[in-house]
Amino acid sequence: MSEILSKSENEILQIIQTSTLNDDEISALIATGKKDILICLARHQTLNDTQIQAMIPNAVYLCLKALTKQSLNADNKEKIIQKMMTNQVLYKEILQDLKELKW
């Protein structure tokens, strides 16, 4: 696990895109809080409920957009919507997509 964290951010992004990471590696990467890593994880890895929940507080627009394509439980859906409601103008497109989705 610490092996992946010792790499440069560009190398980490490449690994995320091309490899299937285990839960410990994903959790360690989420803990970094780096926005590019979070976006890449949300786009390229299948995340569990706990990992998604850990990402939400530090999630930026592109991360939240990618998270909506993950399999979300009701609690995480609500947390994502609450985060987006703080700036409805910014998240208008995603909120509209969420309204059209049947969860």
C-alpha atoms as a PDB file:
ATOM      1  CA  MET A   1       0.000   0.000   0.000  1.00  0.00           C
ATOM      2  CA  SER A   2       2.677   2.524   0.933  1.00  0.00           C
ATOM      3  CA  GLU A   3       4.421   1.642  -2.317  1.00  0.00           C
ATOM      4  CA  ILE A   4       1.767   3.435  -4.355  1.00  0.00           C
ATOM      5  CA  LEU A   5       1.971   6.521  -2.142  1.00  0.00           C
ATOM      6  CA  SER A   6       5.705   6.780  -2.727  1.00  0.00           C
ATOM      7  CA  LYS A   7       5.158   7.427  -6.436  1.00  0.00           C
ATOM      8  CA  SER A   8       4.666  10.796  -8.096  1.00  0.00           C
ATOM      9  CA  GLU A   9       1.127  12.050  -8.538  1.00  0.00           C
ATOM     10  CA  ASN A  10       1.303  11.487 -12.312  1.00  0.00           C
ATOM     11  CA  GLU A  11       2.398   7.888 -11.752  1.00  0.00           C
ATOM     12  CA  ILE A  12      -0.410   7.378  -9.251  1.00  0.00           C
ATOM     13  CA  LEU A  13      -2.958   8.730 -11.733  1.00  0.00           C
ATOM     14  CA  GLN A  14      -1.662   6.349 -14.388  1.00  0.00           C
ATOM     15  CA  ILE A  15      -1.885   3.393 -11.996  1.00  0.00           C
ATOM     16  CA  ILE A  16      -5.453   4.313 -11.046  1.00  0.00           C
ATOM     17  CA  GLN A  17      -6.456   4.429 -14.706  1.00  0.00           C
ATOM     18  CA  THR A  18      -4.806   1.167 -15.740  1.00  0.00           C
ATOM     19  CA  SER A  19      -4.965  -1.116 -12.696  1.00  0.00           C
ATOM     20  CA  THR A  20      -7.546  -2.503 -10.339  1.00  0.00           C
ATOM     21  CA  LEU A  21      -6.589  -1.344  -6.878  1.00  0.00           C
ATOM     22  CA  ASN A  22      -7.435  -3.142  -3.653  1.00  0.00           C
ATOM     23  CA  ASP A  23      -9.497  -1.546  -0.883  1.00  0.00           C
ATOM     24  CA  ASP A  24      -6.469  -0.587   1.217  1.00  0.00           C
ATOM     25  CA  GLU A  25      -4.791   1.172  -1.711  1.00  0.00           C
ATOM     26  CA  ILE A  26      -7.964   3.050  -2.602  1.00  0.00           C
ATOM     27  CA  SER A  27      -8.538   4.089   1.008  1.00  0.00           C
ATOM     28  CA  ALA A  28      -4.952   5.313   1.328  1.00  0.00           C
ATOM     29  CA  LEU A  29      -5.311   7.371  -1.837  1.00  0.00           C
ATOM     30  CA  ILE A  30      -8.613   8.859  -0.657  1.00  0.00           C
ATOM     31  CA  ALA A  31      -6.914   9.859   2.589  1.00  0.00           C
ATOM     32  CA  THR A  32      -4.500  12.060   0.624  1.00  0.00           C
ATOM     33  CA  GLY A  33      -7.440  14.340  -0.225  1.00  0.00           C
ATOM     34  CA  LYS A  34      -5.791  15.358  -3.498  1.00  0.00           C
ATOM     35  CA  LYS A  35      -8.492  16.460  -5.913  1.00  0.00           C
ATOM     36  CA  ASP A  36      -6.943  14.956  -9.061  1.00  0.00           C
ATOM     37  CA  ILE A  37      -6.517  11.605  -7.341  1.00  0.00           C
ATOM     38  CA  LEU A  38     -10.099  11.682  -6.037  1.00  0.00           C
ATOM     39  CA  ILE A  39     -11.458  12.508  -9.507  1.00  0.00           C
ATOM     40  CA  CYS A  40      -9.417   9.725 -11.071  1.00  0.00           C
ATOM     41  CA  LEU A  41     -10.533   7.201  -8.454  1.00  0.00           C
ATOM     42  CA  ALA A  42     -14.192   8.122  -8.953  1.00  0.00           C
ATOM     43  CA  ARG A  43     -13.840   7.752 -12.713  1.00  0.00           C
ATOM     44  CA  HIS A  44     -11.734   4.595 -12.961  1.00  0.00           C
ATOM     45  CA  GLN A  45     -12.246   2.452  -9.851  1.00  0.00           C
ATOM     46  CA  THR A  46     -15.272   0.729  -8.392  1.00  0.00           C
ATOM     47  CA  LEU A  47     -15.686   2.206  -4.936  1.00  0.00           C
ATOM     48  CA  ASN A  48     -17.509   0.788  -1.941  1.00  0.00           C
ATOM     49  CA  ASP A  49     -19.924   2.764   0.232  1.00  0.00           C
ATOM     50  CA  THR A  50     -17.310   3.588   2.870  1.00  0.00           C
ATOM     51  CA  GLN A  51     -14.850   4.885   0.286  1.00  0.00           C
ATOM     52  CA  ILE A  52     -17.505   7.019  -1.379  1.00  0.00           C
ATOM     53  CA  GLN A  53     -18.519   8.430   1.979  1.00  0.00           C
ATOM     54  CA  ALA A  54     -14.887   9.317   2.725  1.00  0.00           C
ATOM     55  CA  MET A  55     -14.550  11.111  -0.625  1.00  0.00           C
ATOM     56  CA  ILE A  56     -17.630  13.305  -0.421  1.00  0.00           C
ATOM     57  CA  PRO A  57     -16.283  16.014   1.960  1.00  0.00           C
ATOM     58  CA  ASN A  58     -13.274  16.731  -0.292  1.00  0.00           C
ATOM     59  CA  ALA A  59     -15.019  16.065  -3.600  1.00  0.00           C
ATOM     60  CA  VAL A  60     -14.880  18.800  -6.210  1.00  0.00           C
ATOM     61  CA  TYR A  61     -17.306  19.174  -9.127  1.00  0.00           C
ATOM     62  CA  LEU A  62     -15.735  16.551 -11.415  1.00  0.00           C
ATOM     63  CA  CYS A  63     -15.409  14.081  -8.568  1.00  0.00           C
ATOM     64  CA  LEU A  64     -19.058  14.472  -7.573  1.00  0.00           C
ATOM     65  CA  LYS A  65     -20.097  14.083 -11.194  1.00  0.00           C
ATOM     66  CA  ALA A  66     -18.113  10.842 -11.474  1.00  0.00           C
ATOM     67  CA  LEU A  67     -19.418   9.583  -8.121  1.00  0.00           C
ATOM     68  CA  THR A  68     -23.000   9.816  -9.409  1.00  0.00           C
ATOM     69  CA  LYS A  69     -22.080   7.063 -11.861  1.00  0.00           C
ATOM     70  CA  GLN A  70     -21.006   4.744  -9.016  1.00  0.00           C
ATOM     71  CA  SER A  71     -23.391   2.409  -7.238  1.00  0.00           C
ATOM     72  CA  LEU A  72     -24.582   4.653  -4.407  1.00  0.00           C
ATOM     73  CA  ASN A  73     -26.519   3.773  -1.287  1.00  0.00           C
ATOM     74  CA  ALA A  74     -29.302   6.096  -0.155  1.00  0.00           C
ATOM     75  CA  ASP A  75     -27.145   7.744   2.532  1.00  0.00           C
ATOM     76  CA  ASN A  76     -24.343   8.621   0.112  1.00  0.00           C
ATOM     77  CA  LYS A  77     -26.839   9.869  -2.485  1.00  0.00           C
ATOM     78  CA  GLU A  78     -28.286  12.193   0.112  1.00  0.00           C
ATOM     79  CA  LYS A  79     -24.832  13.434   1.195  1.00  0.00           C
ATOM     80  CA  ILE A  80     -23.881  14.161  -2.413  1.00  0.00           C
ATOM     81  CA  ILE A  81     -27.121  16.052  -2.983  1.00  0.00           C
ATOM     82  CA  GLN A  82     -26.642  18.033   0.255  1.00  0.00           C
ATOM     83  CA  LYS A  83     -23.134  19.001  -0.832  1.00  0.00           C
ATOM     84  CA  MET A  84     -24.408  20.127  -4.224  1.00  0.00           C
ATOM     85  CA  MET A  85     -27.260  22.122  -2.699  1.00  0.00           C
ATOM     86  CA  THR A  86     -24.711  24.469  -1.110  1.00  0.00           C
ATOM     87  CA  ASN A  87     -24.026  25.839  -4.596  1.00  0.00           C
ATOM     88  CA  GLN A  88     -26.961  24.962  -6.812  1.00  0.00           C
ATOM     89  CA  VAL A  89     -25.791  27.162  -9.677  1.00  0.00           C
ATOM     90  CA  LEU A  90     -22.464  25.334  -9.946  1.00  0.00           C
ATOM     91  CA  TYR A  91     -24.035  21.891  -9.661  1.00  0.00           C
ATOM     92  CA  LYS A  92     -27.164  22.640 -11.723  1.00  0.00           C
ATOM     93  CA  GLU A  93     -26.279  20.168 -14.498  1.00  0.00           C
ATOM     94  CA  ILE A  94     -25.517  17.296 -12.129  1.00  0.00           C
ATOM     95  CA  LEU A  95     -28.594  17.974 -10.001  1.00  0.00           C
ATOM     96  CA  GLN A  96     -30.738  17.919 -13.127  1.00  0.00           C
ATOM     97  CA  ASP A  97     -29.197  14.593 -14.166  1.00  0.00           C
ATOM     98  CA  LEU A  98     -29.844  13.205 -10.683  1.00  0.00           C
ATOM     99  CA  LYS A  99     -33.497  14.202 -10.857  1.00  0.00           C
ATOM    100  CA  GLU A 100     -33.845  12.298 -14.139  1.00  0.00           C
ATOM    101  CA  LEU A 101     -32.156   9.165 -12.785  1.00  0.00           C
ATOM    102  CA  LYS A 102     -34.294   6.568 -11.097  1.00  0.00           C
ATOM    103  CA  TRP A 103     -32.251   5.456  -8.102  1.00  0.00           C
END
